[in-house]
Protein backbone atom coordinates (compact mmCIF):
# COMPACT_ATOMS: atom_id res chain seq x y z
CA MET A 1 -0.03 0.03 -0.06
CA THR A 2 1.41 3.39 -0.74
CA THR A 3 1.03 6.30 1.51
CA PRO A 4 -0.34 9.47 -0.21
CA ALA A 5 2.66 12.31 -0.30
CA PRO A 6 2.05 14.91 2.19
CA GLU A 7 0.91 18.10 0.95
CA ILE A 8 3.20 20.95 0.55
CA SER A 9 1.69 24.05 1.32
CA PRO A 10 3.43 27.47 -0.26
CA PRO A 11 5.53 29.37 2.13
CA ALA A 12 3.52 31.85 4.06
CA ALA A 13 4.32 35.45 2.92
CA SER A 14 6.23 36.85 5.96
CA ALA A 15 5.56 40.53 4.87
CA ALA A 16 3.78 42.26 2.10
CA PRO A 17 5.84 43.37 -0.71
CA ALA A 18 7.35 46.93 0.21
CA ASP A 19 5.39 49.72 -1.35
CA PRO A 20 7.61 51.00 -4.52
CA ALA A 21 7.12 54.54 -3.34
CA ARG A 22 8.59 53.59 0.11
CA ARG A 23 11.42 51.63 -1.64
CA ARG A 24 12.56 54.82 -3.72
CA TRP A 25 12.82 56.57 -0.41
CA LEU A 26 14.91 54.06 0.88
CA TYR A 27 17.17 54.16 -1.78
CA ALA A 28 17.35 57.74 -1.96
CA GLY A 29 18.26 58.01 1.73
CA VAL A 30 20.77 55.29 1.47
CA ALA A 31 22.21 57.22 -1.75
CA GLY A 32 22.13 60.44 0.09
CA ALA A 33 23.87 59.12 3.24
CA ALA A 34 26.68 57.60 0.74
CA ALA A 35 26.84 61.06 -1.15
CA VAL A 36 27.26 62.91 2.32
CA GLY A 37 29.86 60.40 3.40
CA GLY A 38 31.98 60.51 0.28
CA ALA A 39 31.91 64.26 0.15
CA GLY A 40 33.04 64.45 3.71
CA VAL A 41 35.99 62.00 2.95
CA ALA A 42 36.84 64.22 -0.23
CA TRP A 43 36.75 67.45 1.81
CA TRP A 44 39.09 65.79 4.44
CA LYS A 45 41.39 64.65 1.76
CA PHE A 46 41.75 67.92 -0.01
CA GLN A 47 42.15 70.09 3.09
CA PRO A 48 45.47 70.95 4.27
CA HIS A 49 46.22 69.37 7.67
CA ALA A 50 48.38 70.38 10.54
CA MET A 51 52.12 71.41 9.80
CA ASP A 52 54.68 69.36 11.11
CA SER A 53 56.49 71.01 14.27
CA GLY A 54 59.40 73.09 12.79
CA ALA A 55 58.17 72.89 9.06
CA GLU A 56 58.40 76.51 8.81
CA LYS A 57 62.08 76.69 10.06
CA ALA A 58 63.20 73.58 8.00
CA LEU A 59 61.89 74.84 4.77
CA TRP A 60 64.15 78.18 4.78
CA ALA A 61 67.43 75.60 5.20
CA LEU A 62 66.03 73.76 1.94
CA GLU A 63 68.04 74.02 -1.48
CA PHE A 64 67.09 72.40 -4.76
CA GLU A 65 68.68 72.01 -8.26
CA THR A 66 67.41 74.30 -10.76
CA PRO A 67 66.57 73.04 -14.22
CA ASP A 68 69.65 74.70 -15.67
CA GLY A 69 71.91 73.09 -12.69
CA ALA A 70 72.03 76.00 -10.50
CA THR A 71 71.26 75.84 -6.85
CA LEU A 72 67.93 77.28 -5.67
CA ALA A 73 68.33 78.15 -1.55
CA LEU A 74 65.05 79.07 -0.22
CA GLN A 75 66.64 81.03 2.39
CA ARG A 76 67.19 83.61 -0.26
CA PHE A 77 63.53 84.44 -0.33
CA LEU A 78 63.31 85.36 3.19
CA GLY A 79 62.05 88.84 4.06
CA LYS A 80 59.52 89.11 1.51
CA PRO A 81 56.14 87.62 0.60
CA LEU A 82 56.71 84.26 -1.43
CA LEU A 83 54.12 81.97 -3.00
CA ILE A 84 55.47 78.24 -3.24
CA ASN A 85 53.80 76.04 -5.84
CA PHE A 86 54.17 72.31 -5.85
CA TRP A 87 53.33 71.00 -9.29
CA ALA A 88 54.20 68.34 -11.91
CA THR A 89 54.29 68.30 -15.78
CA TRP A 90 52.00 65.41 -15.74
CA CYS A 91 49.42 67.24 -13.66
CA ALA A 92 46.93 69.01 -15.79
CA PRO A 93 45.59 71.41 -13.08
CA CYS A 94 49.16 72.19 -12.39
CA VAL A 95 49.95 73.09 -16.09
CA GLU A 96 46.72 75.05 -16.19
CA GLU A 97 47.54 77.38 -13.53
CA LEU A 98 51.06 78.05 -14.18
CA PRO A 99 50.49 81.03 -16.85
CA MET A 100 48.28 82.48 -13.98
CA LEU A 101 51.03 82.18 -11.51
CA ASN A 102 53.34 83.61 -14.11
CA ALA A 103 51.11 86.56 -14.68
CA PHE A 104 50.91 87.15 -10.72
CA TYR A 105 54.53 87.30 -10.40
CA ARG A 106 54.75 89.55 -13.38
CA GLU A 107 52.26 91.91 -11.61
CA GLN A 108 53.41 91.45 -7.99
CA ALA A 109 57.21 91.27 -8.08
CA PRO A 110 57.23 95.11 -8.24
CA LYS A 111 55.58 95.12 -4.93
CA GLY A 112 57.78 92.67 -3.23
CA TRP A 113 56.16 89.34 -4.20
CA GLN A 114 58.16 86.28 -5.14
CA VAL A 115 57.13 83.05 -6.55
CA VAL A 116 58.83 79.47 -6.53
CA ALA A 117 57.63 76.53 -8.47
CA LEU A 118 58.96 73.21 -6.92
CA ALA A 119 58.61 70.06 -9.64
CA ILE A 120 57.75 66.99 -8.12
CA ASP A 121 58.68 65.32 -11.30
CA GLN A 122 61.58 64.07 -13.46
CA PRO A 123 64.27 66.75 -14.34
CA SER A 124 64.08 65.97 -17.98
CA SER A 125 60.51 66.12 -17.92
CA VAL A 126 60.61 69.63 -16.32
CA ARG A 127 63.29 70.95 -18.74
CA LYS A 128 61.13 69.82 -21.72
CA PHE A 129 58.23 71.41 -20.41
CA LEU A 130 60.10 74.72 -19.57
CA ALA A 131 61.40 74.93 -23.10
CA ARG A 132 57.96 75.00 -24.47
CA LEU A 133 56.53 77.19 -21.54
CA PRO A 134 59.23 79.35 -19.88
CA LEU A 135 58.38 80.79 -16.57
CA GLU A 136 59.65 84.02 -15.30
CA PHE A 137 59.95 82.95 -11.69
CA PRO A 138 62.55 80.29 -10.14
CA VAL A 139 61.71 76.62 -10.61
CA GLY A 140 63.39 74.03 -8.43
CA LEU A 141 63.64 70.13 -9.02
CA ALA A 142 62.02 69.01 -6.06
CA GLY A 143 61.32 65.34 -6.61
CA MET A 144 60.74 63.15 -3.65
CA GLN A 145 62.15 65.95 -1.34
CA GLY A 146 59.37 68.23 -2.52
CA THR A 147 56.82 65.62 -1.59
CA ASP A 148 58.33 65.25 2.03
CA LEU A 149 58.32 69.04 2.11
CA GLY A 150 54.54 69.18 1.25
CA ARG A 151 53.62 66.68 3.69
CA SER A 152 55.26 68.38 6.42
CA LEU A 153 53.08 71.53 5.41
CA GLY A 154 50.10 69.64 5.70
CA ASN A 155 49.74 68.01 2.17
CA LEU A 156 49.23 64.74 3.75
CA THR A 157 48.03 62.79 0.50
CA GLY A 158 50.81 64.53 -1.43
CA GLY A 159 48.14 65.73 -3.93
CA LEU A 160 48.95 68.47 -6.68
CA PRO A 161 48.95 71.33 -7.08
CA PHE A 162 49.55 72.36 -3.80
CA THR A 163 50.29 76.15 -2.99
CA VAL A 164 51.82 77.76 0.29
CA VAL A 165 51.86 81.37 0.97
CA LEU A 166 54.31 82.83 3.35
CA GLY A 167 54.67 86.00 4.70
CA GLY A 168 57.95 88.29 4.72
CA GLU A 169 58.69 87.05 8.15
CA GLY A 170 58.75 83.43 6.99
CA ARG A 171 55.52 82.41 8.47
CA VAL A 172 52.89 80.30 6.57
CA LEU A 173 49.99 82.51 5.80
CA HIS A 174 47.82 80.48 3.71
CA ARG A 175 47.92 76.67 2.28
CA LYS A 176 45.73 75.45 -0.72
CA MET A 177 45.22 72.06 -2.11
CA GLY A 178 44.21 72.09 -5.81
CA GLN A 179 44.24 74.66 -8.50
CA VAL A 180 44.70 78.05 -7.64
CA THR A 181 42.07 80.64 -8.78
CA ALA A 182 42.16 84.34 -9.53
CA GLN A 183 40.24 85.30 -6.60
CA ASP A 184 42.88 83.17 -4.45
CA LEU A 185 45.74 85.45 -6.03
CA GLN A 186 43.88 88.54 -5.50
CA GLN A 187 43.30 87.60 -1.90
CA TRP A 188 47.01 86.66 -1.20
CA SER A 189 48.29 89.91 -3.05
CA ALA A 190 47.10 91.84 -0.15
CA LEU A 191 48.73 89.59 2.53
CA ARG A 192 52.32 90.70 3.86
């Protein structure tokens, strides 16, 4: 004799399917939270952080080779306002801002301003670049020493471009991660 197979009943629905409008709100909330979190991380990443103790003093003792083989001693710039720009030939925002920095130097040099570009790049690439786009202000071949200097000045990620503005007494007045704007230069030109 055969026993009848037990009846299998369909599983009971534990909950009604979610309302489509409710689901959209849930997805929007998750996406919004992710966007806010991502923006917070990006903001943190692109903000200059605290400088190392003694970074300003150490800065003035540094020397870099120039593209033409001379020595660029930062100490010679002490006593007047100085804008130091960390850049590289492979960094598109760096390359875009160099003509603006050159114009700033041309306009502000008679008022005592100085500009120095520190290339975080291969010397041969910098020389080729400067042959195409000469700059009126000094350029130092900083390489990894420049990356370390940037980090000591608060650029923990090593991102480029990175700009530091120093007053005549040698103190850091402003630091900026990212491309410089005309408004930045106008604001900084009032600093001393």
